Protein backbone atom coordinates (compact mmCIF):
# COMPACT_ATOMS: atom_id res chain seq x y z
CA UNK A 1 312.06 6.30 26.36
CA UNK A 2 311.66 7.49 21.86
CA UNK A 3 310.92 11.08 24.26
CA UNK A 4 314.03 10.47 25.84
CA UNK A 5 316.19 10.09 23.10
CA UNK A 6 314.39 12.82 21.19
CA UNK A 7 315.00 15.04 23.35
CA UNK A 8 319.01 14.35 23.79
CA UNK A 9 319.21 13.71 20.11
CA UNK A 10 318.89 18.40 20.18
CA UNK A 11 322.58 19.93 20.45
CA UNK A 12 320.88 22.93 22.15
CA UNK A 13 319.29 20.34 24.31
CA UNK A 14 323.12 18.39 24.71
CA UNK A 15 323.99 22.23 25.64
CA UNK A 16 321.06 23.69 27.78
CA UNK A 17 321.37 19.81 30.67
CA UNK A 18 325.38 21.13 30.69
CA UNK A 19 324.23 23.61 32.42
CA UNK A 20 321.73 22.98 34.26
CA UNK A 21 324.32 20.13 35.36
CA UNK A 22 326.20 22.88 36.97
CA UNK A 23 323.17 24.01 38.67
CA UNK A 24 319.53 25.44 38.41
CA UNK A 25 319.47 28.42 36.41
CA UNK A 26 315.60 30.25 35.02
CA UNK A 27 314.66 30.94 31.01
CA UNK A 28 316.58 34.59 30.69
CA UNK A 29 319.56 33.27 32.56
CA UNK A 30 320.15 29.82 29.44
CA UNK A 31 318.12 32.69 27.15
CA UNK A 32 321.57 33.94 27.33
CA UNK A 33 323.78 31.78 26.78
CA UNK A 34 321.94 31.30 23.10
CA UNK A 35 321.34 33.44 19.61
CA UNK A 36 317.27 32.48 19.47
CA UNK A 37 314.09 33.76 20.63
CA UNK A 38 312.70 32.88 23.98
CA UNK A 39 309.64 30.17 22.67
CA UNK A 40 312.34 28.53 20.56
CA UNK A 41 314.04 27.22 24.23
CA UNK A 42 310.03 27.08 25.63
CA UNK A 43 310.24 24.33 22.71
CA UNK A 44 313.52 23.23 24.15
CA UNK A 45 312.44 23.24 27.61
CA UNK A 46 309.13 21.91 27.27
CA UNK A 47 311.31 18.75 25.12
CA UNK A 48 313.18 18.24 28.11
CA UNK A 49 311.29 18.04 30.45
CA UNK A 50 308.45 15.38 28.39
CA UNK A 51 311.51 13.94 28.15
CA UNK A 52 311.84 14.30 32.42
CA UNK A 53 315.08 15.13 32.23
CA UNK A 54 314.60 18.55 32.80
CA UNK A 55 312.13 19.59 36.63
CA UNK A 56 311.08 23.43 36.31
CA UNK A 57 309.26 24.98 40.19
CA UNK A 58 307.87 28.19 40.22
CA UNK A 59 309.01 30.40 42.47
CA UNK A 60 307.38 33.96 42.51
CA UNK A 61 307.27 35.33 39.57
CA UNK A 62 311.02 33.08 38.11
CA UNK A 63 309.90 29.75 36.85
CA UNK A 64 313.80 27.78 37.67
CA UNK A 65 315.08 25.16 35.59
CA UNK A 66 317.43 22.10 37.37
CA UNK A 67 318.41 18.40 36.04
CA UNK A 68 316.52 15.50 36.71
CA UNK A 69 318.95 12.98 37.41
CA UNK A 70 316.72 10.27 38.10
CA UNK A 71 316.34 9.98 34.87
CA UNK A 72 319.74 9.87 34.12
CA UNK A 73 319.91 6.78 36.80
CA UNK A 74 317.24 4.54 34.69
CA UNK A 75 319.08 5.10 31.38
CA UNK A 76 322.06 4.04 33.40
CA UNK A 77 320.78 0.60 34.68
CA UNK A 78 318.59 0.31 31.42
CA UNK A 79 322.42 -0.09 29.18
CA UNK A 80 323.62 -2.36 31.85
CA UNK A 81 320.51 -5.05 31.89
CA UNK A 82 321.13 -4.34 27.76
CA UNK A 83 324.07 -5.00 27.70
CA UNK A 84 323.85 -7.69 29.97
CA UNK A 85 326.28 -7.14 33.26
């Protein structure tokens, strides 16, 4: 759960998640929305993947990133459990 909160704490990673909520994208498509180097984007994507928030799939020469909604469902269940509902 610690990786999850670390991943969500960064505004850049939250923006990436919003983008992936709309549709799956490759790294170049994501990078076009930021003023950063590819290595920095790769760092953010790695953290999101480690937290289980993002999945990647190799398609030809591209890697396609998509949001993993299962993790969000698990977090909501965890919050409801803590709240006692």
